[in-house]
Amino acid sequence: MNRLDRRPPPNGAADVDYLDGEFRVRKPGAFVVCAATGAQIPLDRLTYWNVDRQEAYASPDAKILRMKQLGQIK
């Protein structure tokens, strides 16, 4: 879909593959869920994710929070 396409975006969560430097939408949706906070992240604002864990994060602080939740840092 491009900018000029006037169809409304699909509702609900998208299914996304997180790749190095980009992501691929497998199932269209309006957002993904932050793994640390549960916040809904619109796809056009998705900036932070972990390729190995296949998780999205709402912000750098959310990424740090997730690492704390997993016991990777104190």
PDB file of N, CA and C in Angstrom:
ATOM      1  N   MET A   1       0.851  -1.163   0.000  1.00  0.00           N
ATOM      2  CA  MET A   1       0.000   0.000   0.000  1.00  0.00           C
ATOM      3  C   MET A   1       0.901   1.230   0.000  1.00  0.00           C
ATOM      4  N   ASN A   2       0.515   2.244  -0.757  1.00  0.00           N
ATOM      5  CA  ASN A   2       1.305   3.462  -0.780  1.00  0.00           C
ATOM      6  C   ASN A   2       0.535   4.624  -0.164  1.00  0.00           C
ATOM      7  N   ARG A   3       1.173   5.766  -0.122  1.00  0.00           N
ATOM      8  CA  ARG A   3       0.590   6.948   0.521  1.00  0.00           C
ATOM      9  C   ARG A   3      -0.718   7.397  -0.119  1.00  0.00           C
ATOM     10  N   LEU A   4      -0.855   7.171  -1.400  1.00  0.00           N
ATOM     11  CA  LEU A   4      -2.028   7.659  -2.113  1.00  0.00           C
ATOM     12  C   LEU A   4      -3.204   6.692  -2.040  1.00  0.00           C
ATOM     13  N   ASP A   5      -2.975   5.523  -1.529  1.00  0.00           N
ATOM     14  CA  ASP A   5      -4.043   4.537  -1.384  1.00  0.00           C
ATOM     15  C   ASP A   5      -4.956   4.985  -0.252  1.00  0.00           C
ATOM     16  N   ARG A   6      -6.241   5.113  -0.517  1.00  0.00           N
ATOM     17  CA  ARG A   6      -7.175   5.675   0.461  1.00  0.00           C
ATOM     18  C   ARG A   6      -7.956   4.632   1.245  1.00  0.00           C
ATOM     19  N   ARG A   7      -7.611   3.358   1.111  1.00  0.00           N
ATOM     20  CA  ARG A   7      -8.284   2.350   1.915  1.00  0.00           C
ATOM     21  C   ARG A   7      -7.914   2.532   3.381  1.00  0.00           C
ATOM     22  N   PRO A   8      -8.872   2.327   4.293  1.00  0.00           N
ATOM     23  CA  PRO A   8      -8.517   2.448   5.716  1.00  0.00           C
ATOM     24  C   PRO A   8      -7.567   1.329   6.128  1.00  0.00           C
ATOM     25  N   PRO A   9      -6.656   1.620   7.048  1.00  0.00           N
ATOM     26  CA  PRO A   9      -5.733   0.564   7.495  1.00  0.00           C
ATOM     27  C   PRO A   9      -6.506  -0.520   8.246  1.00  0.00           C
ATOM     28  N   PRO A  10      -6.021  -1.744   8.188  1.00  0.00           N
ATOM     29  CA  PRO A  10      -6.692  -2.823   8.917  1.00  0.00           C
ATOM     30  C   PRO A  10      -6.637  -2.585  10.423  1.00  0.00           C
ATOM     31  N   ASN A  11      -7.649  -3.040  11.108  1.00  0.00           N
ATOM     32  CA  ASN A  11      -7.680  -2.929  12.570  1.00  0.00           C
ATOM     33  C   ASN A  11      -6.923  -4.085  13.190  1.00  0.00           C
ATOM     34  N   GLY A  12      -6.561  -3.932  14.453  1.00  0.00           N
ATOM     35  CA  GLY A  12      -5.922  -5.015  15.182  1.00  0.00           C
ATOM     36  C   GLY A  12      -4.415  -5.026  15.025  1.00  0.00           C
ATOM     37  N   ALA A  13      -3.814  -6.033  15.633  1.00  0.00           N
ATOM     38  CA  ALA A  13      -2.355  -6.169  15.641  1.00  0.00           C
ATOM     39  C   ALA A  13      -1.857  -6.777  14.337  1.00  0.00           C
ATOM     40  N   ALA A  14      -0.735  -6.290  13.888  1.00  0.00           N
ATOM     41  CA  ALA A  14      -0.068  -6.835  12.708  1.00  0.00           C
ATOM     42  C   ALA A  14       0.843  -7.980  13.140  1.00  0.00           C
ATOM     43  N   ASP A  15       1.113  -8.885  12.213  1.00  0.00           N
ATOM     44  CA  ASP A  15       2.099  -9.948  12.436  1.00  0.00           C
ATOM     45  C   ASP A  15       3.332  -9.556  11.625  1.00  0.00           C
ATOM     46  N   VAL A  16       4.456  -9.377  12.309  1.00  0.00           N
ATOM     47  CA  VAL A  16       5.637  -8.782  11.692  1.00  0.00           C
ATOM     48  C   VAL A  16       6.858  -9.666  11.893  1.00  0.00           C
ATOM     49  N   ASP A  17       7.684  -9.785  10.853  1.00  0.00           N
ATOM     50  CA  ASP A  17       9.015 -10.387  10.962  1.00  0.00           C
ATOM     51  C   ASP A  17      10.000  -9.252  11.131  1.00  0.00           C
ATOM     52  N   TYR A  18      10.775  -9.262  12.214  1.00  0.00           N
ATOM     53  CA  TYR A  18      11.760  -8.224  12.478  1.00  0.00           C
ATOM     54  C   TYR A  18      13.094  -8.667  11.899  1.00  0.00           C
ATOM     55  N   LEU A  19      13.614  -7.889  10.958  1.00  0.00           N
ATOM     56  CA  LEU A  19      14.852  -8.203  10.257  1.00  0.00           C
ATOM     57  C   LEU A  19      15.907  -7.159  10.614  1.00  0.00           C
ATOM     58  N   ASP A  20      17.118  -7.360  10.130  1.00  0.00           N
ATOM     59  CA  ASP A  20      18.195  -6.392  10.358  1.00  0.00           C
ATOM     60  C   ASP A  20      17.909  -5.115   9.574  1.00  0.00           C
ATOM     61  N   GLY A  21      17.576  -4.042  10.286  1.00  0.00           N
ATOM     62  CA  GLY A  21      17.376  -2.751   9.656  1.00  0.00           C
ATOM     63  C   GLY A  21      16.023  -2.551   8.992  1.00  0.00           C
ATOM     64  N   GLU A  22      15.172  -3.536   9.003  1.00  0.00           N
ATOM     65  CA  GLU A  22      13.847  -3.406   8.411  1.00  0.00           C
ATOM     66  C   GLU A  22      12.917  -4.455   9.004  1.00  0.00           C
ATOM     67  N   PHE A  23      11.655  -4.348   8.691  1.00  0.00           N
ATOM     68  CA  PHE A  23      10.695  -5.363   9.126  1.00  0.00           C
ATOM     69  C   PHE A  23       9.769  -5.684   7.964  1.00  0.00           C
ATOM     70  N   ARG A  24       9.207  -6.876   7.996  1.00  0.00           N
ATOM     71  CA  ARG A  24       8.309  -7.335   6.936  1.00  0.00           C
ATOM     72  C   ARG A  24       6.961  -7.683   7.581  1.00  0.00           C
ATOM     73  N   VAL A  25       5.911  -7.116   7.051  1.00  0.00           N
ATOM     74  CA  VAL A  25       4.574  -7.368   7.565  1.00  0.00           C
ATOM     75  C   VAL A  25       4.043  -8.657   6.940  1.00  0.00           C
ATOM     76  N   ARG A  26       3.772  -9.641   7.782  1.00  0.00           N
ATOM     77  CA  ARG A  26       3.213 -10.915   7.307  1.00  0.00           C
ATOM     78  C   ARG A  26       1.699 -10.874   7.291  1.00  0.00           C
ATOM     79  N   LYS A  27       1.103 -10.211   8.276  1.00  0.00           N
ATOM     80  CA  LYS A  27      -0.347 -10.037   8.329  1.00  0.00           C
ATOM     81  C   LYS A  27      -0.615  -8.571   8.632  1.00  0.00           C
ATOM     82  N   PRO A  28      -1.304  -7.872   7.750  1.00  0.00           N
ATOM     83  CA  PRO A  28      -1.546  -6.442   7.964  1.00  0.00           C
ATOM     84  C   PRO A  28      -2.296  -6.175   9.261  1.00  0.00           C
ATOM     85  N   GLY A  29      -2.017  -5.042   9.827  1.00  0.00           N
ATOM     86  CA  GLY A  29      -2.668  -4.586  11.044  1.00  0.00           C
ATOM     87  C   GLY A  29      -2.306  -3.140  11.288  1.00  0.00           C
ATOM     88  N   ALA A  30      -2.900  -2.549  12.278  1.00  0.00           N
ATOM     89  CA  ALA A  30      -2.675  -1.141  12.573  1.00  0.00           C
ATOM     90  C   ALA A  30      -1.470  -0.913  13.486  1.00  0.00           C
ATOM     91  N   PHE A  31      -1.070  -1.945  14.238  1.00  0.00           N
ATOM     92  CA  PHE A  31      -0.029  -1.746  15.241  1.00  0.00           C
ATOM     93  C   PHE A  31       0.631  -3.078  15.582  1.00  0.00           C
ATOM     94  N   VAL A  32       1.749  -2.977  16.340  1.00  0.00           N
ATOM     95  CA  VAL A  32       2.354  -4.127  17.015  1.00  0.00           C
ATOM     96  C   VAL A  32       2.382  -3.783  18.499  1.00  0.00           C
ATOM     97  N   VAL A  33       2.580  -4.775  19.337  1.00  0.00           N
ATOM     98  CA  VAL A  33       2.549  -4.579  20.787  1.00  0.00           C
ATOM     99  C   VAL A  33       3.976  -4.579  21.336  1.00  0.00           C
ATOM    100  N   CYS A  34       4.276  -3.597  22.179  1.00  0.00           N
ATOM    101  CA  CYS A  34       5.586  -3.509  22.823  1.00  0.00           C
ATOM    102  C   CYS A  34       5.748  -4.685  23.779  1.00  0.00           C
ATOM    103  N   ALA A  35       6.864  -5.394  23.667  1.00  0.00           N
ATOM    104  CA  ALA A  35       7.122  -6.574  24.495  1.00  0.00           C
ATOM    105  C   ALA A  35       7.344  -6.207  25.963  1.00  0.00           C
ATOM    106  N   ALA A  36       7.771  -4.988  26.244  1.00  0.00           N
ATOM    107  CA  ALA A  36       8.069  -4.593  27.618  1.00  0.00           C
ATOM    108  C   ALA A  36       6.876  -3.956  28.319  1.00  0.00           C
ATOM    109  N   THR A  37       6.136  -3.114  27.598  1.00  0.00           N
ATOM    110  CA  THR A  37       5.093  -2.316  28.242  1.00  0.00           C
ATOM    111  C   THR A  37       3.679  -2.700  27.832  1.00  0.00           C
ATOM    112  N   GLY A  38       3.543  -3.402  26.729  1.00  0.00           N
ATOM    113  CA  GLY A  38       2.214  -3.738  26.224  1.00  0.00           C
ATOM    114  C   GLY A  38       1.576  -2.614  25.424  1.00  0.00           C
ATOM    115  N   ALA A  39       2.294  -1.517  25.227  1.00  0.00           N
ATOM    116  CA  ALA A  39       1.767  -0.384  24.464  1.00  0.00           C
ATOM    117  C   ALA A  39       1.593  -0.762  22.996  1.00  0.00           C
ATOM    118  N   GLN A  40       0.600  -0.168  22.366  1.00  0.00           N
ATOM    119  CA  GLN A  40       0.396  -0.372  20.940  1.00  0.00           C
ATOM    120  C   GLN A  40       1.286   0.601  20.175  1.00  0.00           C
ATOM    121  N   ILE A  41       2.070   0.077  19.237  1.00  0.00           N
ATOM    122  CA  ILE A  41       2.989   0.893  18.444  1.00  0.00           C
ATOM    123  C   ILE A  41       2.483   0.903  17.006  1.00  0.00           C
ATOM    124  N   PRO A  42       2.027   2.060  16.492  1.00  0.00           N
ATOM    125  CA  PRO A  42       1.611   2.112  15.089  1.00  0.00           C
ATOM    126  C   PRO A  42       2.774   1.707  14.180  1.00  0.00           C
ATOM    127  N   LEU A  43       2.475   0.976  13.125  1.00  0.00           N
ATOM    128  CA  LEU A  43       3.550   0.497  12.244  1.00  0.00           C
ATOM    129  C   LEU A  43       4.382   1.634  11.665  1.00  0.00           C
ATOM    130  N   ASP A  44       3.757   2.779  11.399  1.00  0.00           N
ATOM    131  CA  ASP A  44       4.521   3.889  10.832  1.00  0.00           C
ATOM    132  C   ASP A  44       5.435   4.558  11.854  1.00  0.00           C
ATOM    133  N   ARG A  45       5.344   4.152  13.125  1.00  0.00           N
ATOM    134  CA  ARG A  45       6.228   4.681  14.176  1.00  0.00           C
ATOM    135  C   ARG A  45       7.133   3.607  14.775  1.00  0.00           C
ATOM    136  N   LEU A  46       7.099   2.426  14.213  1.00  0.00           N
ATOM    137  CA  LEU A  46       7.935   1.327  14.714  1.00  0.00           C
ATOM    138  C   LEU A  46       9.393   1.590  14.374  1.00  0.00           C
ATOM    139  N   THR A  47      10.212   1.715  15.413  1.00  0.00           N
ATOM    140  CA  THR A  47      11.627   2.044  15.240  1.00  0.00           C
ATOM    141  C   THR A  47      12.548   1.060  15.945  1.00  0.00           C
ATOM    142  N   TYR A  48      12.100   0.482  17.051  1.00  0.00           N
ATOM    143  CA  TYR A  48      12.961  -0.349  17.881  1.00  0.00           C
ATOM    144  C   TYR A  48      12.431  -1.773  17.961  1.00  0.00           C
ATOM    145  N   TRP A  49      13.333  -2.748  17.709  1.00  0.00           N
ATOM    146  CA  TRP A  49      12.970  -4.156  17.835  1.00  0.00           C
ATOM    147  C   TRP A  49      14.216  -4.995  18.024  1.00  0.00           C
ATOM    148  N   ASN A  50      14.011  -6.248  18.399  1.00  0.00           N
ATOM    149  CA  ASN A  50      15.094  -7.202  18.588  1.00  0.00           C
ATOM    150  C   ASN A  50      14.900  -8.326  17.586  1.00  0.00           C
ATOM    151  N   VAL A  51      15.871  -8.503  16.713  1.00  0.00           N
ATOM    152  CA  VAL A  51      15.791  -9.523  15.660  1.00  0.00           C
ATOM    153  C   VAL A  51      15.804 -10.922  16.269  1.00  0.00           C
ATOM    154  N   ASP A  52      16.697 -11.172  17.218  1.00  0.00           N
ATOM    155  CA  ASP A  52      16.825 -12.508  17.801  1.00  0.00           C
ATOM    156  C   ASP A  52      15.578 -12.915  18.573  1.00  0.00           C
ATOM    157  N   ARG A  53      15.002 -11.998  19.332  1.00  0.00           N
ATOM    158  CA  ARG A  53      13.816 -12.315  20.140  1.00  0.00           C
ATOM    159  C   ARG A  53      12.519 -12.079  19.381  1.00  0.00           C
ATOM    160  N   GLN A  54      12.594 -11.399  18.223  1.00  0.00           N
ATOM    161  CA  GLN A  54      11.414 -11.069  17.420  1.00  0.00           C
ATOM    162  C   GLN A  54      10.386 -10.312  18.266  1.00  0.00           C
ATOM    163  N   GLU A  55      10.875  -9.229  18.900  1.00  0.00           N
ATOM    164  CA  GLU A  55      10.048  -8.388  19.751  1.00  0.00           C
ATOM    165  C   GLU A  55      10.178  -6.930  19.331  1.00  0.00           C
ATOM    166  N   ALA A  56       9.089  -6.194  19.490  1.00  0.00           N
ATOM    167  CA  ALA A  56       9.084  -4.753  19.238  1.00  0.00           C
ATOM    168  C   ALA A  56       9.118  -4.002  20.564  1.00  0.00           C
ATOM    169  N   TYR A  57       9.661  -2.781  20.524  1.00  0.00           N
ATOM    170  CA  TYR A  57       9.741  -1.935  21.715  1.00  0.00           C
ATOM    171  C   TYR A  57       9.266  -0.530  21.371  1.00  0.00           C
ATOM    172  N   ALA A  58       8.555   0.098  22.291  1.00  0.00           N
ATOM    173  CA  ALA A  58       8.000   1.422  22.059  1.00  0.00           C
ATOM    174  C   ALA A  58       9.067   2.527  22.092  1.00  0.00           C
ATOM    175  N   SER A  59      10.180   2.277  22.785  1.00  0.00           N
ATOM    176  CA  SER A  59      11.221   3.298  22.946  1.00  0.00           C
ATOM    177  C   SER A  59      12.507   2.630  23.412  1.00  0.00           C
ATOM    178  N   PRO A  60      13.618   3.376  23.416  1.00  0.00           N
ATOM    179  CA  PRO A  60      14.849   2.811  23.984  1.00  0.00           C
ATOM    180  C   PRO A  60      14.681   2.436  25.464  1.00  0.00           C
ATOM    181  N   ASP A  61      13.912   3.238  26.203  1.00  0.00           N
ATOM    182  CA  ASP A  61      13.670   2.916  27.611  1.00  0.00           C
ATOM    183  C   ASP A  61      12.904   1.605  27.754  1.00  0.00           C
ATOM    184  N   ALA A  62      11.982   1.345  26.834  1.00  0.00           N
ATOM    185  CA  ALA A  62      11.236   0.082  26.863  1.00  0.00           C
ATOM    186  C   ALA A  62      12.168  -1.093  26.589  1.00  0.00           C
ATOM    187  N   LYS A  63      13.136  -0.903  25.728  1.00  0.00           N
ATOM    188  CA  LYS A  63      14.122  -1.957  25.443  1.00  0.00           C
ATOM    189  C   LYS A  63      14.923  -2.271  26.706  1.00  0.00           C
ATOM    190  N   ILE A  64      15.355  -1.237  27.416  1.00  0.00           N
ATOM    191  CA  ILE A  64      16.107  -1.436  28.660  1.00  0.00           C
ATOM    192  C   ILE A  64      15.233  -2.131  29.701  1.00  0.00           C
ATOM    193  N   LEU A  65      13.978  -1.710  29.812  1.00  0.00           N
ATOM    194  CA  LEU A  65      13.049  -2.350  30.734  1.00  0.00           C
ATOM    195  C   LEU A  65      12.907  -3.829  30.410  1.00  0.00           C
ATOM    196  N   ARG A  66      12.794  -4.177  29.140  1.00  0.00           N
ATOM    197  CA  ARG A  66      12.659  -5.576  28.741  1.00  0.00           C
ATOM    198  C   ARG A  66      13.906  -6.377  29.117  1.00  0.00           C
ATOM    199  N   MET A  67      15.078  -5.787  28.922  1.00  0.00           N
ATOM    200  CA  MET A  67      16.317  -6.472  29.301  1.00  0.00           C
ATOM    201  C   MET A  67      16.341  -6.729  30.800  1.00  0.00           C
ATOM    202  N   LYS A  68      15.833  -5.787  31.596  1.00  0.00           N
ATOM    203  CA  LYS A  68      15.735  -5.977  33.044  1.00  0.00           C
ATOM    204  C   LYS A  68      14.738  -7.084  33.364  1.00  0.00           C
ATOM    205  N   GLN A  69      13.601  -7.113  32.668  1.00  0.00           N
ATOM    206  CA  GLN A  69      12.599  -8.147  32.890  1.00  0.00           C
ATOM    207  C   GLN A  69      13.158  -9.534  32.622  1.00  0.00           C
ATOM    208  N   LEU A  70      14.049  -9.624  31.628  1.00  0.00           N
ATOM    209  CA  LEU A  70      14.654 -10.911  31.266  1.00  0.00           C
ATOM    210  C   LEU A  70      15.879 -11.242  32.097  1.00  0.00           C
ATOM    211  N   GLY A  71      16.278 -10.347  33.000  1.00  0.00           N
ATOM    212  CA  GLY A  71      17.438 -10.582  33.839  1.00  0.00           C
ATOM    213  C   GLY A  71      18.766 -10.423  33.120  1.00  0.00           C
ATOM    214  N   GLN A  72      18.754  -9.734  31.982  1.00  0.00           N
ATOM    215  CA  GLN A  72      19.989  -9.528  31.234  1.00  0.00           C
ATOM    216  C   GLN A  72      20.818  -8.378  31.805  1.00  0.00           C
ATOM    217  N   ILE A  73      20.152  -7.430  32.462  1.00  0.00           N
ATOM    218  CA  ILE A  73      20.844  -6.345  33.147  1.00  0.00           C
ATOM    219  C   ILE A  73      20.128  -6.077  34.465  1.00  0.00           C
ATOM    220  N   LYS A  74      20.809  -5.381  35.370  1.00  0.00           N
ATOM    221  CA  LYS A  74      20.210  -5.057  36.676  1.00  0.00           C
ATOM    222  C   LYS A  74      19.806  -3.619  36.735  1.00  0.00           C
TER     223      LYS A  74
END
